[in-house]
Amino acid sequence: MRPSTDLHANVNDGDERADARHLPYFAHGWRHDRADGALVLVHERTGTTLVEVDETATPIRITREGVRVLRRLEDMWPHAPWDAESISVLAGEERPLRYLLLARLVAEGDPPPHLFHVLPWELVTRLAGQIRATLRGPASVPDTLLRHWFAPAGSRFTAALDQLAAGLRFGDAIAARVGATALCGRISELEAARVPSSTREAMSLLLRDLPGRDPLLTPFASRGARKLMESSDPGEEPTRVQTMLAPAADTLGVRRRPDRLRKPPFEVEAVVTSSGVLELSVAARLDPGRAGSVAEVYGVVVMRVDVGPRTFLIPLEQRADEFSGMLPVRLPSDEFDVDVTMPAIGASEVADLREEHLIPSLPANLPLPALRRWRELAAMMSHDHALHALLDRLSGDVL
């Protein structure tokens, strides 16, 4: 907020990050209005007028119809009815107003999905098309920026889309890979009804193109495309694993029972053993000649495998056209599902993981091949990354 009589006054009296809704000064008597085409707050008793500004301290423009919609909303905040006419009016207002209104409603209420359609989704539709064109040929470069406008919709998938576009724009294959990976993961968290159908269709087409660049994204991109188009096909179901083994009879040694999950190109084998260990193995076979370029942008491919509510990290080794890895973990006491619900990550994402994220995947009985993969990853991390200390702790147990 800035006093309308002094365009050079400090925003929020110098505390630019302060939220006026939480300040006692604005607790009573204020109402939105319009002055010189800009959105203002007016104190009904004193007449004091303050200008609403965007994140660049620029006054937010608004129409008279927009003010009338805001006043109706204020009378019932945050439970005002949202009719087609009101939504049409808001959709024509400036982006900062639409963004701030949705952000405040999400923070304080429960806006219906169709209200999010007033956000500038045409930018997402355009950028999705630009990225598809770039993936098909270097003559086109994506130049649309999404910025923060879609944060109220949740899942942060547009931030991942921006990162994918930036990687393609500047020829940074690793940044583009990280953005595509995040996009496939975050789409699963999106409430699709908040996105207009035209944008969902554009995003679905883009997701279906991504495996052509990175085949490890195949099951997750397909799942996201189905979700956006509201397909009834759930895709591959998780594998239910029983912890009880058949009676030993005359069998000597450790008894084992394998269960398999297939989500091409991934195959996960979960082996229940009578020694109380669950052996998780992951393999991904790619078309000839693809694995090398994939390994280059991942550094080390790290698969995320869900065992019940827990997620384990398994670094994979490349051999010819196949990636594979294995991790022994403690066998849960009850039956459980094994699944892969999130895309594989690489060195860039591991660099952001904290110690608590890594510890479950670094047991004392870690096999030597897996330890070597982890050490390869550690060599790509900063000297103070938690992975170094965790691996040093393991050395005496494994070597």
Protein backbone atom coordinates (compact mmCIF):
# COMPACT_ATOMS: atom_id res chain seq x y z
CA MET A 1 0.00 0.00 0.00
CA ARG A 2 1.19 3.52 -0.76
CA PRO A 3 -0.47 6.89 0.05
CA SER A 4 -2.13 8.12 -3.13
CA THR A 5 -1.03 11.72 -2.46
CA ASP A 6 2.71 10.91 -2.53
CA LEU A 7 3.96 8.68 -5.34
CA HIS A 8 7.42 8.55 -3.76
CA ALA A 9 6.30 7.39 -0.33
CA ASN A 10 7.58 4.09 1.03
CA VAL A 11 5.50 1.02 0.30
CA ASN A 12 3.92 -0.24 3.55
CA ASP A 13 5.81 2.50 5.42
CA GLY A 14 9.12 0.91 4.43
CA ASP A 15 8.22 -2.68 5.29
CA GLU A 16 7.64 -3.83 1.72
CA ARG A 17 6.91 -7.46 2.66
CA ALA A 18 4.26 -6.61 5.26
CA ASP A 19 0.80 -7.96 4.53
CA ALA A 20 -1.82 -5.27 5.12
CA ARG A 21 -4.43 -7.92 5.95
CA HIS A 22 -2.49 -8.78 9.10
CA LEU A 23 -1.88 -5.22 10.34
CA PRO A 24 -4.16 -3.85 13.09
CA TYR A 25 -4.28 -0.54 11.21
CA PHE A 26 -6.38 -2.17 8.47
CA ALA A 27 -8.60 -4.24 10.75
CA HIS A 28 -11.76 -2.13 10.38
CA GLY A 29 -13.38 0.44 8.14
CA TRP A 30 -11.47 -0.06 4.87
CA ARG A 31 -13.06 -0.78 1.51
CA HIS A 32 -11.77 -1.11 -2.04
CA ASP A 33 -12.52 1.66 -4.51
CA ARG A 34 -11.07 3.23 -7.64
CA ALA A 35 -9.16 6.49 -8.07
CA ASP A 36 -7.69 7.68 -11.39
CA GLY A 37 -8.18 4.16 -12.73
CA ALA A 38 -6.11 2.53 -9.95
CA LEU A 39 -7.28 0.20 -7.17
CA VAL A 40 -7.30 1.94 -3.79
CA LEU A 41 -8.32 1.28 -0.21
CA VAL A 42 -10.51 3.97 1.30
CA HIS A 43 -11.26 4.39 5.01
CA GLU A 44 -15.00 4.92 5.18
CA ARG A 45 -14.87 7.31 8.18
CA THR A 46 -11.72 9.36 7.59
CA GLY A 47 -11.54 9.18 3.80
CA THR A 48 -7.86 8.20 3.94
CA THR A 49 -6.92 6.67 0.58
CA LEU A 50 -4.10 4.21 -0.13
CA VAL A 51 -3.08 2.85 -3.50
CA GLU A 52 -2.78 -0.93 -4.04
CA VAL A 53 0.50 -1.68 -5.83
CA ASP A 54 1.99 -4.74 -7.50
CA GLU A 55 5.35 -6.39 -6.75
CA THR A 56 7.16 -3.60 -8.63
CA ALA A 57 5.39 -0.88 -6.56
CA THR A 58 3.34 0.11 -9.62
CA PRO A 59 -0.33 1.06 -9.02
CA ILE A 60 -2.74 -1.71 -10.04
CA ARG A 61 -5.21 -0.56 -12.67
CA ILE A 62 -8.85 -1.63 -12.38
CA THR A 63 -12.14 -0.99 -14.20
CA ARG A 64 -15.31 0.26 -12.55
CA GLU A 65 -16.88 -3.16 -13.16
CA GLY A 66 -13.91 -4.76 -11.40
CA VAL A 67 -14.43 -2.57 -8.33
CA ARG A 68 -18.08 -3.60 -8.17
CA VAL A 69 -17.08 -7.28 -8.22
CA LEU A 70 -14.50 -6.72 -5.45
CA ARG A 71 -17.06 -4.90 -3.29
CA ARG A 72 -19.49 -7.81 -3.63
CA LEU A 73 -16.68 -10.15 -2.64
CA GLU A 74 -15.72 -8.05 0.38
CA ASP A 75 -19.30 -8.21 1.68
CA MET A 76 -19.08 -12.02 1.93
CA TRP A 77 -15.31 -12.60 2.11
CA PRO A 78 -14.11 -15.22 1.43
CA HIS A 79 -17.35 -17.06 0.58
CA ALA A 80 -18.82 -14.85 -2.14
CA PRO A 81 -20.66 -16.61 -4.98
CA TRP A 82 -18.80 -16.67 -8.28
CA ASP A 83 -21.12 -16.29 -11.23
CA ALA A 84 -20.05 -16.35 -14.86
CA GLU A 85 -20.42 -12.56 -15.21
CA SER A 86 -18.12 -11.82 -12.25
CA ILE A 87 -15.50 -14.24 -13.52
CA SER A 88 -15.69 -12.68 -16.98
CA VAL A 89 -15.09 -9.23 -15.47
CA LEU A 90 -12.11 -10.39 -13.42
CA ALA A 91 -10.59 -12.20 -16.39
CA GLY A 92 -10.34 -8.82 -18.13
CA GLU A 93 -8.52 -7.08 -15.27
CA GLU A 94 -4.76 -6.67 -15.04
CA ARG A 95 -2.64 -9.70 -14.14
CA PRO A 96 -1.46 -8.37 -10.74
CA LEU A 97 -5.05 -7.93 -9.57
CA ARG A 98 -6.05 -11.43 -10.66
CA TYR A 99 -2.95 -12.96 -9.08
CA LEU A 100 -3.30 -11.11 -5.76
CA LEU A 101 -7.02 -11.86 -5.49
CA LEU A 102 -6.49 -15.61 -6.02
CA ALA A 103 -3.49 -15.67 -3.68
CA ARG A 104 -5.54 -14.05 -0.90
CA LEU A 105 -8.53 -16.29 -1.48
CA VAL A 106 -6.34 -19.41 -1.34
CA ALA A 107 -4.78 -18.18 1.90
CA GLU A 108 -8.09 -17.38 3.58
CA GLY A 109 -10.81 -19.36 1.84
CA ASP A 110 -11.54 -22.22 -0.53
CA PRO A 111 -12.15 -20.79 -4.01
CA PRO A 112 -13.89 -23.07 -6.54
CA PRO A 113 -11.69 -24.56 -9.28
CA HIS A 114 -13.23 -22.55 -12.11
CA LEU A 115 -12.28 -19.27 -10.43
CA PHE A 116 -8.60 -20.05 -11.13
CA HIS A 117 -9.44 -19.78 -14.82
CA VAL A 118 -9.07 -15.98 -14.50
CA LEU A 119 -5.28 -16.42 -14.24
CA PRO A 120 -3.40 -15.73 -17.51
CA TRP A 121 -3.34 -19.33 -18.72
CA GLU A 122 -2.85 -18.19 -22.29
CA LEU A 123 0.81 -17.73 -21.35
CA VAL A 124 1.10 -21.41 -20.36
CA THR A 125 -0.64 -22.51 -23.56
CA ARG A 126 1.74 -20.38 -25.62
CA LEU A 127 4.88 -21.56 -23.81
CA ALA A 128 3.89 -25.23 -24.07
CA GLY A 129 3.56 -24.80 -27.83
CA GLN A 130 6.91 -23.00 -28.06
CA ILE A 131 8.68 -25.76 -26.13
CA ARG A 132 7.18 -28.43 -28.37
CA ALA A 133 8.43 -26.53 -31.43
CA THR A 134 11.93 -26.26 -29.91
CA LEU A 135 12.03 -29.96 -29.08
CA ARG A 136 11.30 -30.70 -32.73
CA GLY A 137 13.91 -28.35 -34.17
CA PRO A 138 16.45 -25.75 -33.00
CA ALA A 139 15.04 -23.01 -35.23
CA SER A 140 12.49 -22.05 -32.55
CA VAL A 141 13.39 -20.79 -29.06
CA PRO A 142 10.77 -20.39 -26.26
CA ASP A 143 10.59 -16.75 -25.15
CA THR A 144 7.43 -16.63 -22.99
CA LEU A 145 7.99 -16.11 -19.24
CA LEU A 146 5.41 -17.40 -16.77
CA ARG A 147 6.88 -15.85 -13.63
CA HIS A 148 4.81 -16.09 -10.42
CA TRP A 149 1.35 -15.54 -11.85
CA PHE A 150 0.22 -19.16 -11.37
CA ALA A 151 1.45 -19.83 -7.84
CA PRO A 152 -2.11 -19.73 -6.38
CA ALA A 153 -3.07 -22.73 -8.55
CA GLY A 154 -0.64 -24.93 -6.59
CA SER A 155 1.82 -27.70 -7.53
CA ARG A 156 4.38 -25.20 -8.91
CA PHE A 157 4.32 -26.96 -12.26
CA THR A 158 4.61 -23.63 -14.10
CA ALA A 159 7.93 -22.93 -12.35
CA ALA A 160 9.19 -26.26 -13.72
CA LEU A 161 7.87 -25.31 -17.15
CA ASP A 162 9.78 -22.01 -16.94
CA GLN A 163 12.97 -23.90 -16.02
CA LEU A 164 12.55 -26.32 -18.92
CA ALA A 165 12.07 -23.37 -21.29
CA ALA A 166 15.10 -21.53 -19.87
CA GLY A 167 17.29 -24.60 -20.35
CA LEU A 168 16.22 -24.86 -23.98
CA ARG A 169 16.58 -21.10 -24.48
CA PHE A 170 20.18 -21.00 -23.26
CA GLY A 171 21.26 -24.41 -24.52
CA ASP A 172 21.65 -25.84 -21.00
CA ALA A 173 20.70 -29.52 -21.36
CA ILE A 174 21.01 -30.24 -17.63
CA ALA A 175 18.71 -27.36 -16.64
CA ALA A 176 16.19 -28.45 -19.27
CA ARG A 177 16.33 -32.03 -17.96
CA VAL A 178 15.78 -30.91 -14.36
CA GLY A 179 12.84 -28.76 -15.44
CA ALA A 180 11.25 -31.61 -17.40
CA THR A 181 11.71 -33.99 -14.47
CA ALA A 182 10.11 -31.53 -12.04
CA LEU A 183 7.27 -30.88 -14.48
CA CYS A 184 6.37 -34.57 -14.72
CA GLY A 185 6.46 -34.89 -10.93
CA ARG A 186 4.47 -31.77 -10.11
CA ILE A 187 1.68 -32.36 -12.61
CA SER A 188 0.64 -35.30 -10.45
CA GLU A 189 -0.08 -32.84 -7.59
CA LEU A 190 -2.15 -30.45 -9.72
CA GLU A 191 -5.90 -30.04 -9.31
CA ALA A 192 -6.55 -30.25 -13.04
CA ALA A 193 -9.95 -28.55 -12.86
CA ARG A 194 -8.17 -25.30 -11.97
CA VAL A 195 -6.68 -25.19 -15.48
CA PRO A 196 -8.80 -24.35 -18.55
CA SER A 197 -9.28 -27.19 -21.03
CA SER A 198 -7.31 -25.48 -23.82
CA THR A 199 -4.25 -25.17 -21.58
CA ARG A 200 -4.61 -28.73 -20.30
CA GLU A 201 -4.67 -29.97 -23.88
CA ALA A 202 -1.51 -28.01 -24.76
CA MET A 203 0.27 -29.32 -21.67
CA SER A 204 -0.84 -32.88 -22.39
CA LEU A 205 0.65 -32.70 -25.88
CA LEU A 206 3.92 -31.37 -24.47
CA LEU A 207 4.13 -34.14 -21.86
CA ARG A 208 3.68 -36.77 -24.55
CA ASP A 209 6.65 -35.25 -26.42
CA LEU A 210 9.06 -35.25 -23.46
CA PRO A 211 10.01 -38.97 -23.54
CA GLY A 212 11.44 -38.40 -27.02
CA ARG A 213 14.12 -36.29 -25.32
CA ASP A 214 14.36 -38.29 -22.07
CA PRO A 215 13.00 -41.86 -22.19
CA LEU A 216 13.24 -42.17 -18.38
CA LEU A 217 10.27 -39.80 -18.16
CA THR A 218 7.99 -42.12 -20.15
CA PRO A 219 5.65 -43.49 -17.43
CA PHE A 220 5.42 -40.20 -15.55
CA ALA A 221 4.82 -38.02 -18.62
CA SER A 222 2.11 -40.46 -19.78
CA ARG A 223 0.46 -40.38 -16.35
CA GLY A 224 0.49 -36.56 -16.35
CA ALA A 225 -0.99 -36.40 -19.83
CA ARG A 226 -3.80 -38.75 -18.80
CA LYS A 227 -4.48 -36.69 -15.68
CA LEU A 228 -4.71 -33.44 -17.63
CA MET A 229 -7.15 -34.95 -20.11
CA GLU A 230 -9.15 -36.53 -17.25
CA SER A 231 -8.59 -40.03 -18.60
CA SER A 232 -10.18 -42.88 -16.70
CA ASP A 233 -7.12 -45.05 -17.39
CA PRO A 234 -5.11 -45.14 -14.12
CA GLY A 235 -2.04 -46.69 -15.75
CA GLU A 236 0.01 -49.37 -14.02
CA GLU A 237 -1.09 -50.20 -10.49
CA PRO A 238 1.45 -50.63 -7.63
CA THR A 239 2.61 -54.12 -6.69
CA ARG A 240 1.27 -55.47 -3.39
CA VAL A 241 3.95 -57.44 -1.51
CA GLN A 242 3.22 -59.99 1.21
CA THR A 243 5.84 -60.31 3.96
CA MET A 244 4.94 -63.89 4.90
CA LEU A 245 6.93 -66.64 3.21
CA ALA A 246 5.77 -70.18 2.58
CA PRO A 247 6.70 -72.76 5.26
CA ALA A 248 10.36 -73.71 5.18
CA ALA A 249 9.83 -77.50 4.81
CA ASP A 250 13.21 -78.98 4.01
CA THR A 251 14.62 -75.83 2.36
CA LEU A 252 18.04 -74.83 3.67
CA GLY A 253 19.46 -71.30 3.73
CA VAL A 254 17.70 -67.98 3.16
CA ARG A 255 14.30 -68.29 1.53
CA ARG A 256 13.32 -65.67 -1.07
CA ARG A 257 10.17 -64.60 -2.89
CA PRO A 258 10.26 -62.02 -5.69
CA ASP A 259 7.51 -59.62 -6.78
CA ARG A 260 7.84 -57.45 -9.88
CA LEU A 261 6.55 -54.04 -10.93
CA ARG A 262 6.78 -52.98 -14.58
CA LYS A 263 6.50 -49.38 -15.69
CA PRO A 264 8.49 -49.32 -18.95
CA PRO A 265 11.31 -48.62 -19.28
CA PHE A 266 11.55 -49.43 -15.55
CA GLU A 267 11.26 -52.81 -13.92
CA VAL A 268 11.42 -53.07 -10.14
CA GLU A 269 11.95 -56.35 -8.35
CA ALA A 270 11.14 -56.56 -4.63
CA VAL A 271 12.53 -59.74 -3.05
CA VAL A 272 11.27 -60.71 0.40
CA THR A 273 13.83 -62.81 2.28
CA SER A 274 13.54 -64.95 5.38
CA SER A 275 16.42 -62.96 6.91
CA GLY A 276 14.15 -59.91 7.30
CA VAL A 277 15.64 -58.00 4.37
CA LEU A 278 13.77 -56.57 1.38
CA GLU A 279 16.02 -56.47 -1.67
CA LEU A 280 14.98 -53.74 -4.12
CA SER A 281 16.38 -53.94 -7.64
CA VAL A 282 15.71 -51.47 -10.45
CA ALA A 283 16.52 -51.86 -14.14
CA ALA A 284 15.75 -49.65 -17.14
CA ARG A 285 16.61 -50.81 -20.67
CA LEU A 286 16.67 -48.10 -23.34
CA ASP A 287 16.81 -48.19 -27.11
CA PRO A 288 20.34 -48.66 -28.51
CA GLY A 289 22.46 -45.55 -28.31
CA ARG A 290 20.20 -43.63 -25.89
CA ALA A 291 21.76 -44.41 -22.50
CA GLY A 292 24.92 -42.36 -22.99
CA SER A 293 23.15 -39.06 -23.64
CA VAL A 294 20.73 -39.74 -20.78
CA ALA A 295 23.59 -40.42 -18.34
CA GLU A 296 25.29 -37.21 -19.40
CA VAL A 297 22.42 -34.96 -18.30
CA TYR A 298 21.71 -36.88 -15.08
CA GLY A 299 25.29 -37.32 -13.87
CA VAL A 300 24.12 -40.39 -12.00
CA VAL A 301 20.55 -41.63 -12.48
CA VAL A 302 18.88 -42.02 -9.06
CA MET A 303 15.56 -43.87 -8.98
CA ARG A 304 12.96 -43.16 -6.30
CA VAL A 305 11.14 -46.31 -5.17
CA ASP A 306 8.18 -46.19 -2.78
CA VAL A 307 7.89 -48.97 -0.20
CA GLY A 308 4.65 -48.28 1.62
CA PRO A 309 4.84 -44.67 2.84
CA ARG A 310 8.65 -44.47 2.58
CA THR A 311 10.69 -43.49 -0.45
CA PHE A 312 14.16 -44.94 -1.08
CA LEU A 313 16.84 -43.63 -3.43
CA ILE A 314 18.68 -46.14 -5.63
CA PRO A 315 21.58 -44.83 -7.77
CA LEU A 316 21.81 -46.74 -11.04
CA GLU A 317 24.87 -47.86 -12.95
CA GLN A 318 24.97 -47.60 -16.73
CA ARG A 319 26.06 -50.68 -18.66
CA ALA A 320 25.61 -50.45 -22.42
CA ASP A 321 21.92 -49.63 -22.95
CA GLU A 322 20.76 -50.47 -19.43
CA PHE A 323 20.68 -48.72 -16.06
CA SER A 324 20.47 -50.89 -12.96
CA GLY A 325 20.91 -50.73 -9.20
CA MET A 326 20.05 -52.53 -5.98
CA LEU A 327 19.32 -51.56 -2.37
CA PRO A 328 18.66 -53.80 0.67
CA VAL A 329 16.27 -52.31 3.24
CA ARG A 330 14.60 -53.58 6.38
CA LEU A 331 11.54 -55.67 5.59
CA PRO A 332 8.30 -54.00 6.76
CA SER A 333 6.26 -56.01 9.26
CA ASP A 334 3.02 -55.94 7.27
CA GLU A 335 2.10 -56.26 3.61
CA PHE A 336 2.90 -53.16 1.58
CA ASP A 337 2.85 -51.65 -1.90
CA VAL A 338 5.95 -51.14 -4.04
CA ASP A 339 5.66 -48.39 -6.64
CA VAL A 340 7.54 -45.71 -8.55
CA THR A 341 5.41 -42.57 -8.46
CA MET A 342 8.05 -39.92 -9.13
CA PRO A 343 10.61 -39.59 -11.94
CA ALA A 344 14.26 -40.46 -11.48
CA ILE A 345 16.51 -37.60 -10.39
CA GLY A 346 20.17 -36.80 -10.98
CA ALA A 347 23.11 -35.05 -9.38
CA SER A 348 21.43 -31.63 -9.59
CA GLU A 349 18.51 -32.74 -7.42
CA VAL A 350 20.66 -34.78 -5.01
CA ALA A 351 22.62 -31.58 -4.33
CA ASP A 352 19.45 -30.14 -2.77
CA LEU A 353 18.75 -33.13 -0.50
CA ARG A 354 19.40 -32.93 3.23
CA GLU A 355 20.80 -35.61 5.50
CA GLU A 356 17.37 -36.87 6.61
CA HIS A 357 16.43 -37.51 2.97
CA LEU A 358 19.57 -39.60 2.38
CA ILE A 359 19.95 -41.68 5.55
CA PRO A 360 17.22 -44.32 4.79
CA SER A 361 18.94 -45.14 1.50
CA LEU A 362 22.40 -45.62 3.03
CA PRO A 363 22.11 -48.72 5.27
CA ALA A 364 25.13 -50.38 6.85
CA ASN A 365 24.72 -53.42 4.57
CA LEU A 366 24.94 -51.34 1.38
CA PRO A 367 26.56 -53.44 -1.40
CA LEU A 368 29.88 -52.27 -2.80
CA PRO A 369 28.52 -51.48 -6.30
CA ALA A 370 25.87 -49.22 -4.75
CA LEU A 371 28.48 -47.59 -2.53
CA ARG A 372 30.57 -46.79 -5.60
CA ARG A 373 27.59 -45.10 -7.26
CA TRP A 374 27.00 -43.00 -4.14
CA ARG A 375 30.67 -42.00 -4.07
CA GLU A 376 30.41 -41.02 -7.71
CA LEU A 377 27.50 -38.79 -6.76
CA ALA A 378 29.37 -37.34 -3.77
CA ALA A 379 32.20 -36.29 -6.07
CA MET A 380 29.67 -34.05 -7.86
CA MET A 381 28.52 -32.37 -4.62
CA SER A 382 30.00 -29.40 -2.77
CA HIS A 383 32.58 -30.26 -0.09
CA ASP A 384 30.11 -29.54 2.73
CA HIS A 385 27.24 -31.67 1.38
CA ALA A 386 25.81 -34.15 3.89
CA LEU A 387 26.49 -37.08 1.56
CA HIS A 388 30.26 -36.91 2.22
CA ALA A 389 29.92 -37.41 5.97
CA LEU A 390 27.32 -40.16 5.57
CA LEU A 391 29.55 -42.13 3.20
CA ASP A 392 32.58 -41.68 5.44
CA ARG A 393 30.52 -43.16 8.25
CA LEU A 394 29.68 -46.16 6.08
CA SER A 395 33.22 -46.92 4.94
CA GLY A 396 34.25 -48.92 7.99
CA ASP A 397 31.04 -51.00 7.84
CA VAL A 398 31.20 -51.86 4.15
CA LEU A 399 34.85 -52.01 3.13
